[in-house]
Amino acid sequence: MTGSDLLELSTLSPGDYDAIIEIWQKANLRHSPQGRESRAEVERQMLLDPEMWLGCYIEGKLVGVIVGSYDSRKGWLNRLAVTPEHREKGCARALVDEMEKRLRARGLKIFAALIEYGHDASLALFKKAGYEVYEGITYVRKRDEPDI
């Protein structure tokens, strides 16, 4: 972070939806605008657990986002993205650290993230934050609808 940048973290709200989608698009993060990342679905998720939607602001502009989730055993860091022009300023690491803190407050002690191939900067960030790369898992999924 440079001296002129003012970095702040804040819980996001439904009014941030357009900015969130713009960040994901700029970061080349796939999303499902007709499914789980539709405006209605994001709003539903935010209302269920607002603390799990976190944004990073530099000089008052939303430039990064992370979404947390959890089950009874593990906390997940999802959808981490920072606009390309605001990378290397501490935003992504601040988002990861704060989301871990929020998940720890719920009693969780294990944290995980899935990183799509080609997002080498994200992989490097998580490694630097103390995450281990575990290659012994094959991710499988099942969808009730094609775009959720």
N, C-alpha and C. Protein backbone atom coordinates (compact mmCIF):
# COMPACT_ATOMS: atom_id res chain seq x y z
N MET A 1 0.84 -1.17 0.00
CA MET A 1 0.00 0.00 0.00
C MET A 1 0.88 1.24 0.00
N THR A 2 0.56 2.19 -0.82
CA THR A 2 1.33 3.42 -0.86
C THR A 2 0.77 4.40 0.16
N GLY A 3 1.54 5.39 0.49
CA GLY A 3 1.13 6.36 1.49
C GLY A 3 -0.11 7.14 1.11
N SER A 4 -0.38 7.28 -0.18
CA SER A 4 -1.53 8.08 -0.60
C SER A 4 -2.82 7.26 -0.60
N ASP A 5 -2.72 5.97 -0.47
CA ASP A 5 -3.91 5.12 -0.51
C ASP A 5 -4.48 4.95 0.90
N LEU A 6 -5.75 5.14 1.01
CA LEU A 6 -6.43 4.95 2.27
C LEU A 6 -7.29 3.70 2.14
N LEU A 7 -6.89 2.63 2.80
CA LEU A 7 -7.56 1.34 2.68
C LEU A 7 -8.52 1.18 3.85
N GLU A 8 -9.76 0.85 3.54
CA GLU A 8 -10.76 0.59 4.57
C GLU A 8 -11.53 -0.68 4.21
N LEU A 9 -11.94 -1.42 5.23
CA LEU A 9 -12.77 -2.60 5.04
C LEU A 9 -14.14 -2.32 5.62
N SER A 10 -15.17 -2.84 4.95
CA SER A 10 -16.53 -2.61 5.42
C SER A 10 -17.43 -3.74 4.94
N THR A 11 -18.42 -4.06 5.76
CA THR A 11 -19.45 -5.02 5.37
C THR A 11 -20.23 -4.44 4.19
N LEU A 12 -20.47 -5.27 3.20
CA LEU A 12 -21.18 -4.84 2.00
C LEU A 12 -22.69 -4.94 2.20
N SER A 13 -23.42 -4.28 1.33
CA SER A 13 -24.89 -4.30 1.39
C SER A 13 -25.44 -4.49 -0.02
N PRO A 14 -26.74 -4.78 -0.14
CA PRO A 14 -27.32 -4.96 -1.47
C PRO A 14 -27.07 -3.79 -2.42
N GLY A 15 -26.93 -2.59 -1.91
CA GLY A 15 -26.65 -1.44 -2.75
C GLY A 15 -25.29 -1.49 -3.43
N ASP A 16 -24.42 -2.39 -2.98
CA ASP A 16 -23.08 -2.54 -3.58
C ASP A 16 -23.07 -3.54 -4.73
N TYR A 17 -24.22 -4.12 -5.06
CA TYR A 17 -24.26 -5.21 -6.03
C TYR A 17 -23.57 -4.88 -7.35
N ASP A 18 -23.90 -3.76 -7.96
CA ASP A 18 -23.32 -3.43 -9.27
C ASP A 18 -21.79 -3.32 -9.19
N ALA A 19 -21.30 -2.72 -8.12
CA ALA A 19 -19.84 -2.58 -7.95
C ALA A 19 -19.18 -3.94 -7.74
N ILE A 20 -19.84 -4.84 -7.02
CA ILE A 20 -19.30 -6.19 -6.80
C ILE A 20 -19.16 -6.91 -8.14
N ILE A 21 -20.22 -6.89 -8.93
CA ILE A 21 -20.19 -7.55 -10.24
C ILE A 21 -19.09 -6.96 -11.12
N GLU A 22 -18.94 -5.64 -11.08
CA GLU A 22 -17.89 -4.99 -11.88
C GLU A 22 -16.50 -5.46 -11.45
N ILE A 23 -16.29 -5.61 -10.15
CA ILE A 23 -15.00 -6.09 -9.64
C ILE A 23 -14.75 -7.52 -10.12
N TRP A 24 -15.75 -8.38 -10.00
CA TRP A 24 -15.59 -9.77 -10.46
C TRP A 24 -15.28 -9.81 -11.95
N GLN A 25 -15.94 -8.98 -12.72
CA GLN A 25 -15.69 -8.96 -14.17
C GLN A 25 -14.27 -8.47 -14.47
N LYS A 26 -13.85 -7.39 -13.84
CA LYS A 26 -12.50 -6.85 -14.06
C LYS A 26 -11.43 -7.85 -13.65
N ALA A 27 -11.73 -8.65 -12.63
CA ALA A 27 -10.78 -9.63 -12.12
C ALA A 27 -10.86 -10.97 -12.87
N ASN A 28 -11.69 -11.03 -13.90
CA ASN A 28 -11.88 -12.27 -14.67
C ASN A 28 -12.32 -13.44 -13.79
N LEU A 29 -13.17 -13.14 -12.83
CA LEU A 29 -13.72 -14.16 -11.96
C LEU A 29 -15.09 -14.55 -12.50
N ARG A 30 -15.22 -15.81 -12.86
CA ARG A 30 -16.51 -16.26 -13.39
C ARG A 30 -17.60 -16.08 -12.34
N HIS A 31 -18.77 -15.73 -12.80
CA HIS A 31 -19.91 -15.62 -11.90
C HIS A 31 -21.17 -16.01 -12.65
N SER A 32 -22.23 -16.26 -11.88
CA SER A 32 -23.50 -16.72 -12.43
C SER A 32 -24.56 -15.64 -12.26
N PRO A 33 -24.61 -14.66 -13.18
CA PRO A 33 -25.55 -13.54 -13.00
C PRO A 33 -27.02 -13.94 -13.08
N GLN A 34 -27.31 -15.11 -13.62
CA GLN A 34 -28.70 -15.59 -13.67
C GLN A 34 -28.98 -16.57 -12.54
N GLY A 35 -27.95 -16.91 -11.77
CA GLY A 35 -28.09 -17.91 -10.72
C GLY A 35 -27.69 -17.37 -9.36
N ARG A 36 -26.68 -17.99 -8.76
CA ARG A 36 -26.33 -17.66 -7.38
C ARG A 36 -25.73 -16.27 -7.19
N GLU A 37 -25.35 -15.61 -8.29
CA GLU A 37 -24.88 -14.24 -8.17
C GLU A 37 -25.84 -13.24 -8.82
N SER A 38 -27.08 -13.63 -8.98
CA SER A 38 -28.09 -12.67 -9.45
C SER A 38 -28.31 -11.64 -8.35
N ARG A 39 -28.86 -10.51 -8.72
CA ARG A 39 -29.12 -9.45 -7.73
C ARG A 39 -29.99 -9.99 -6.59
N ALA A 40 -31.06 -10.70 -6.92
CA ALA A 40 -31.97 -11.21 -5.89
C ALA A 40 -31.28 -12.22 -4.98
N GLU A 41 -30.46 -13.08 -5.57
CA GLU A 41 -29.79 -14.11 -4.77
C GLU A 41 -28.71 -13.49 -3.87
N VAL A 42 -27.95 -12.56 -4.39
CA VAL A 42 -26.93 -11.90 -3.56
C VAL A 42 -27.59 -11.15 -2.42
N GLU A 43 -28.69 -10.47 -2.71
CA GLU A 43 -29.41 -9.76 -1.65
C GLU A 43 -29.89 -10.74 -0.58
N ARG A 44 -30.42 -11.89 -0.99
CA ARG A 44 -30.88 -12.90 -0.03
C ARG A 44 -29.72 -13.37 0.84
N GLN A 45 -28.57 -13.64 0.20
CA GLN A 45 -27.40 -14.09 0.95
C GLN A 45 -26.92 -13.03 1.94
N MET A 46 -26.90 -11.79 1.49
CA MET A 46 -26.45 -10.69 2.36
C MET A 46 -27.37 -10.52 3.56
N LEU A 47 -28.66 -10.66 3.34
CA LEU A 47 -29.61 -10.50 4.44
C LEU A 47 -29.51 -11.65 5.43
N LEU A 48 -29.19 -12.85 4.95
CA LEU A 48 -29.03 -14.01 5.83
C LEU A 48 -27.82 -13.86 6.75
N ASP A 49 -26.73 -13.35 6.19
CA ASP A 49 -25.49 -13.27 6.96
C ASP A 49 -24.62 -12.12 6.45
N PRO A 50 -24.97 -10.88 6.79
CA PRO A 50 -24.28 -9.72 6.24
C PRO A 50 -22.78 -9.70 6.50
N GLU A 51 -22.34 -10.22 7.63
CA GLU A 51 -20.92 -10.18 7.98
C GLU A 51 -20.04 -11.00 7.03
N MET A 52 -20.66 -11.84 6.23
CA MET A 52 -19.89 -12.69 5.32
C MET A 52 -19.64 -12.03 3.96
N TRP A 53 -20.08 -10.81 3.79
CA TRP A 53 -19.83 -10.03 2.57
C TRP A 53 -18.98 -8.83 2.95
N LEU A 54 -17.75 -8.82 2.50
CA LEU A 54 -16.80 -7.81 2.93
C LEU A 54 -16.16 -7.13 1.74
N GLY A 55 -16.05 -5.81 1.83
CA GLY A 55 -15.44 -5.04 0.75
C GLY A 55 -14.21 -4.29 1.21
N CYS A 56 -13.34 -4.02 0.27
CA CYS A 56 -12.16 -3.21 0.50
C CYS A 56 -12.29 -1.93 -0.32
N TYR A 57 -12.11 -0.82 0.35
CA TYR A 57 -12.21 0.49 -0.28
C TYR A 57 -10.84 1.16 -0.25
N ILE A 58 -10.46 1.72 -1.37
CA ILE A 58 -9.25 2.54 -1.43
C ILE A 58 -9.69 3.92 -1.86
N GLU A 59 -9.35 4.88 -1.04
CA GLU A 59 -9.76 6.28 -1.27
C GLU A 59 -11.26 6.38 -1.54
N GLY A 60 -12.04 5.61 -0.75
CA GLY A 60 -13.49 5.68 -0.81
C GLY A 60 -14.16 4.88 -1.91
N LYS A 61 -13.39 4.20 -2.75
CA LYS A 61 -13.97 3.44 -3.87
C LYS A 61 -13.85 1.94 -3.58
N LEU A 62 -14.94 1.21 -3.79
CA LEU A 62 -14.93 -0.24 -3.61
C LEU A 62 -14.07 -0.87 -4.71
N VAL A 63 -12.99 -1.54 -4.30
CA VAL A 63 -12.06 -2.12 -5.27
C VAL A 63 -11.80 -3.60 -5.04
N GLY A 64 -12.32 -4.15 -3.95
CA GLY A 64 -12.10 -5.56 -3.65
C GLY A 64 -13.25 -6.13 -2.86
N VAL A 65 -13.41 -7.44 -2.98
CA VAL A 65 -14.51 -8.11 -2.30
C VAL A 65 -14.10 -9.53 -1.93
N ILE A 66 -14.68 -10.02 -0.85
CA ILE A 66 -14.55 -11.42 -0.47
C ILE A 66 -15.88 -11.84 0.16
N VAL A 67 -16.23 -13.10 -0.04
CA VAL A 67 -17.46 -13.65 0.52
C VAL A 67 -17.07 -14.85 1.39
N GLY A 68 -17.50 -14.83 2.61
CA GLY A 68 -17.24 -15.95 3.51
C GLY A 68 -18.44 -16.86 3.60
N SER A 69 -18.18 -18.11 3.92
CA SER A 69 -19.25 -19.06 4.21
C SER A 69 -18.68 -20.09 5.17
N TYR A 70 -19.54 -20.90 5.74
CA TYR A 70 -19.06 -21.86 6.73
C TYR A 70 -20.09 -22.96 6.93
N ASP A 71 -19.56 -24.09 7.34
CA ASP A 71 -20.41 -25.16 7.82
C ASP A 71 -20.03 -25.35 9.30
N SER A 72 -20.37 -26.40 9.89
CA SER A 72 -20.05 -26.56 11.31
C SER A 72 -18.58 -26.90 11.56
N ARG A 73 -17.80 -27.16 10.48
CA ARG A 73 -16.42 -27.59 10.65
C ARG A 73 -15.37 -26.66 10.05
N LYS A 74 -15.73 -25.92 9.02
CA LYS A 74 -14.73 -25.20 8.25
C LYS A 74 -15.28 -23.88 7.74
N GLY A 75 -14.41 -22.87 7.70
CA GLY A 75 -14.75 -21.59 7.10
C GLY A 75 -14.21 -21.53 5.68
N TRP A 76 -14.98 -20.96 4.79
CA TRP A 76 -14.58 -20.85 3.39
C TRP A 76 -14.43 -19.40 2.99
N LEU A 77 -13.37 -19.11 2.27
CA LEU A 77 -13.14 -17.79 1.72
C LEU A 77 -13.41 -17.90 0.23
N ASN A 78 -14.45 -17.21 -0.21
CA ASN A 78 -14.95 -17.34 -1.58
C ASN A 78 -14.89 -16.00 -2.30
N ARG A 79 -14.83 -16.07 -3.61
CA ARG A 79 -15.05 -14.92 -4.50
C ARG A 79 -14.10 -13.75 -4.23
N LEU A 80 -12.89 -14.03 -3.76
CA LEU A 80 -11.91 -12.98 -3.52
C LEU A 80 -11.50 -12.35 -4.85
N ALA A 81 -11.65 -11.05 -4.95
CA ALA A 81 -11.27 -10.36 -6.18
C ALA A 81 -10.92 -8.91 -5.85
N VAL A 82 -9.89 -8.41 -6.53
CA VAL A 82 -9.49 -7.02 -6.44
C VAL A 82 -9.28 -6.53 -7.87
N THR A 83 -9.73 -5.33 -8.16
CA THR A 83 -9.56 -4.80 -9.51
C THR A 83 -8.07 -4.74 -9.84
N PRO A 84 -7.70 -5.04 -11.08
CA PRO A 84 -6.29 -5.09 -11.46
C PRO A 84 -5.51 -3.82 -11.11
N GLU A 85 -6.12 -2.67 -11.28
CA GLU A 85 -5.40 -1.42 -11.03
C GLU A 85 -5.17 -1.14 -9.54
N HIS A 86 -5.79 -1.93 -8.67
CA HIS A 86 -5.62 -1.72 -7.23
C HIS A 86 -4.93 -2.90 -6.54
N ARG A 87 -4.35 -3.78 -7.30
CA ARG A 87 -3.62 -4.90 -6.70
C ARG A 87 -2.27 -4.44 -6.16
N GLU A 88 -1.71 -5.28 -5.32
CA GLU A 88 -0.40 -5.00 -4.70
C GLU A 88 -0.45 -3.80 -3.75
N LYS A 89 -1.62 -3.53 -3.21
CA LYS A 89 -1.76 -2.42 -2.26
C LYS A 89 -2.23 -2.90 -0.89
N GLY A 90 -2.32 -4.22 -0.71
CA GLY A 90 -2.69 -4.77 0.58
C GLY A 90 -4.16 -5.10 0.74
N CYS A 91 -4.94 -4.83 -0.27
CA CYS A 91 -6.40 -5.03 -0.16
C CYS A 91 -6.76 -6.51 -0.02
N ALA A 92 -6.24 -7.36 -0.89
CA ALA A 92 -6.59 -8.78 -0.86
C ALA A 92 -6.19 -9.40 0.48
N ARG A 93 -5.00 -9.12 0.93
CA ARG A 93 -4.54 -9.69 2.20
C ARG A 93 -5.40 -9.19 3.36
N ALA A 94 -5.77 -7.91 3.34
CA ALA A 94 -6.62 -7.36 4.39
C ALA A 94 -7.98 -8.04 4.39
N LEU A 95 -8.53 -8.31 3.20
CA LEU A 95 -9.82 -9.01 3.10
C LEU A 95 -9.72 -10.42 3.67
N VAL A 96 -8.67 -11.14 3.31
CA VAL A 96 -8.47 -12.50 3.82
C VAL A 96 -8.34 -12.48 5.35
N ASP A 97 -7.50 -11.60 5.86
CA ASP A 97 -7.27 -11.55 7.31
C ASP A 97 -8.56 -11.21 8.07
N GLU A 98 -9.32 -10.25 7.56
CA GLU A 98 -10.55 -9.86 8.25
C GLU A 98 -11.61 -10.96 8.16
N MET A 99 -11.69 -11.64 7.01
CA MET A 99 -12.69 -12.71 6.91
C MET A 99 -12.32 -13.86 7.84
N GLU A 100 -11.03 -14.18 7.93
CA GLU A 100 -10.62 -15.20 8.90
C GLU A 100 -11.03 -14.79 10.31
N LYS A 101 -10.84 -13.54 10.65
CA LYS A 101 -11.22 -13.03 11.97
C LYS A 101 -12.72 -13.21 12.21
N ARG A 102 -13.52 -12.89 11.20
CA ARG A 102 -14.97 -13.03 11.33
C ARG A 102 -15.38 -14.49 11.46
N LEU A 103 -14.69 -15.36 10.76
CA LEU A 103 -14.99 -16.79 10.86
C LEU A 103 -14.51 -17.36 12.20
N ARG A 104 -13.37 -16.90 12.69
CA ARG A 104 -12.89 -17.32 14.01
C ARG A 104 -13.90 -16.94 15.10
N ALA A 105 -14.52 -15.78 14.94
CA ALA A 105 -15.51 -15.31 15.92
C ALA A 105 -16.71 -16.27 15.99
N ARG A 106 -16.88 -17.10 14.98
CA ARG A 106 -17.95 -18.10 14.96
C ARG A 106 -17.45 -19.46 15.45
N GLY A 107 -16.22 -19.49 15.94
CA GLY A 107 -15.67 -20.72 16.50
C GLY A 107 -14.94 -21.60 15.51
N LEU A 108 -14.72 -21.12 14.30
CA LEU A 108 -14.05 -21.94 13.29
C LEU A 108 -12.54 -21.80 13.40
N LYS A 109 -11.84 -22.90 13.13
CA LYS A 109 -10.39 -22.92 13.23
C LYS A 109 -9.71 -23.46 11.99
N ILE A 110 -10.49 -23.86 11.01
CA ILE A 110 -9.96 -24.34 9.73
C ILE A 110 -10.56 -23.45 8.65
N PHE A 111 -9.69 -23.01 7.73
CA PHE A 111 -10.13 -22.12 6.65
C PHE A 111 -9.68 -22.70 5.33
N ALA A 112 -10.50 -22.53 4.31
CA ALA A 112 -10.20 -23.09 3.01
C ALA A 112 -10.67 -22.15 1.91
N ALA A 113 -10.07 -22.31 0.74
CA ALA A 113 -10.48 -21.55 -0.44
C ALA A 113 -10.26 -22.42 -1.66
N LEU A 114 -11.12 -22.26 -2.64
CA LEU A 114 -10.94 -22.91 -3.93
C LEU A 114 -10.45 -21.85 -4.91
N ILE A 115 -9.41 -22.15 -5.64
CA ILE A 115 -8.82 -21.18 -6.57
C ILE A 115 -8.84 -21.79 -7.96
N GLU A 116 -9.47 -21.08 -8.87
CA GLU A 116 -9.55 -21.57 -10.25
C GLU A 116 -8.18 -21.50 -10.91
N TYR A 117 -7.93 -22.44 -11.82
CA TYR A 117 -6.69 -22.44 -12.58
C TYR A 117 -6.52 -21.10 -13.29
N GLY A 118 -5.28 -20.64 -13.34
CA GLY A 118 -4.99 -19.39 -14.02
C GLY A 118 -4.99 -18.18 -13.10
N HIS A 119 -5.46 -18.35 -11.88
CA HIS A 119 -5.47 -17.24 -10.92
C HIS A 119 -4.25 -17.40 -9.99
N ASP A 120 -3.07 -17.32 -10.62
CA ASP A 120 -1.82 -17.55 -9.90
C ASP A 120 -1.58 -16.53 -8.79
N ALA A 121 -1.99 -15.29 -9.00
CA ALA A 121 -1.81 -14.27 -7.97
C ALA A 121 -2.61 -14.63 -6.72
N SER A 122 -3.81 -15.17 -6.89
CA SER A 122 -4.60 -15.60 -5.74
C SER A 122 -3.93 -16.75 -5.01
N LEU A 123 -3.41 -17.70 -5.77
CA LEU A 123 -2.71 -18.82 -5.16
C LEU A 123 -1.51 -18.32 -4.35
N ALA A 124 -0.74 -17.41 -4.93
CA ALA A 124 0.43 -16.86 -4.23
C ALA A 124 0.01 -16.12 -2.96
N LEU A 125 -1.08 -15.38 -3.03
CA LEU A 125 -1.56 -14.64 -1.87
C LEU A 125 -1.93 -15.59 -0.73
N PHE A 126 -2.68 -16.63 -1.04
CA PHE A 126 -3.08 -17.57 0.00
C PHE A 126 -1.87 -18.31 0.58
N LYS A 127 -0.92 -18.66 -0.26
CA LYS A 127 0.31 -19.29 0.25
C LYS A 127 1.02 -18.36 1.22
N LYS A 128 1.13 -17.09 0.84
CA LYS A 128 1.80 -16.10 1.68
C LYS A 128 1.05 -15.91 2.99
N ALA A 129 -0.27 -16.11 2.97
CA ALA A 129 -1.09 -15.97 4.17
C ALA A 129 -1.07 -17.23 5.04
N GLY A 130 -0.26 -18.23 4.65
CA GLY A 130 -0.10 -19.43 5.46
C GLY A 130 -0.95 -20.61 5.06
N TYR A 131 -1.63 -20.53 3.93
CA TYR A 131 -2.46 -21.64 3.46
C TYR A 131 -1.58 -22.68 2.76
N GLU A 132 -1.89 -23.95 2.99
CA GLU A 132 -1.21 -25.05 2.32
C GLU A 132 -1.95 -25.40 1.04
N VAL A 133 -1.21 -25.76 0.03
CA VAL A 133 -1.83 -26.28 -1.19
C VAL A 133 -2.03 -27.77 -0.97
N TYR A 134 -3.27 -28.20 -1.06
CA TYR A 134 -3.60 -29.60 -0.85
C TYR A 134 -4.08 -30.16 -2.17
N GLU A 135 -3.27 -30.98 -2.80
CA GLU A 135 -3.60 -31.47 -4.13
C GLU A 135 -4.29 -32.83 -4.11
N GLY A 136 -4.64 -33.31 -2.95
CA GLY A 136 -5.24 -34.63 -2.84
C GLY A 136 -6.76 -34.64 -2.91
N ILE A 137 -7.35 -33.62 -3.51
CA ILE A 137 -8.81 -33.55 -3.57
C ILE A 137 -9.24 -33.33 -5.01
N THR A 138 -10.29 -34.02 -5.39
CA THR A 138 -10.96 -33.74 -6.64
C THR A 138 -12.29 -33.10 -6.29
N TYR A 139 -12.52 -31.93 -6.80
CA TYR A 139 -13.75 -31.19 -6.51
C TYR A 139 -14.86 -31.73 -7.40
N VAL A 140 -15.96 -32.11 -6.78
CA VAL A 140 -17.14 -32.54 -7.53
C VAL A 140 -18.30 -31.66 -7.10
N ARG A 141 -19.28 -31.52 -7.97
CA ARG A 141 -20.45 -30.73 -7.62
C ARG A 141 -21.68 -31.27 -8.32
N LYS A 142 -22.82 -30.88 -7.80
CA LYS A 142 -24.10 -31.24 -8.38
C LYS A 142 -24.98 -30.00 -8.31
N ARG A 143 -25.65 -29.71 -9.40
CA ARG A 143 -26.50 -28.52 -9.45
C ARG A 143 -27.94 -28.93 -9.72
N ASP A 144 -28.85 -28.29 -9.00
CA ASP A 144 -30.25 -28.52 -9.28
C ASP A 144 -30.71 -27.77 -10.53
N GLU A 145 -30.02 -26.70 -10.85
CA GLU A 145 -30.29 -25.91 -12.05
C GLU A 145 -28.94 -25.58 -12.69
N PRO A 146 -28.89 -25.40 -14.01
CA PRO A 146 -27.62 -25.22 -14.68
C PRO A 146 -26.86 -23.94 -14.31
N ASP A 147 -27.52 -22.87 -13.91
CA ASP A 147 -26.83 -21.61 -13.69
C ASP A 147 -26.93 -21.11 -12.26
N ILE A 148 -26.83 -22.03 -11.30
CA ILE A 148 -26.88 -21.58 -9.90
C ILE A 148 -25.53 -21.65 -9.27
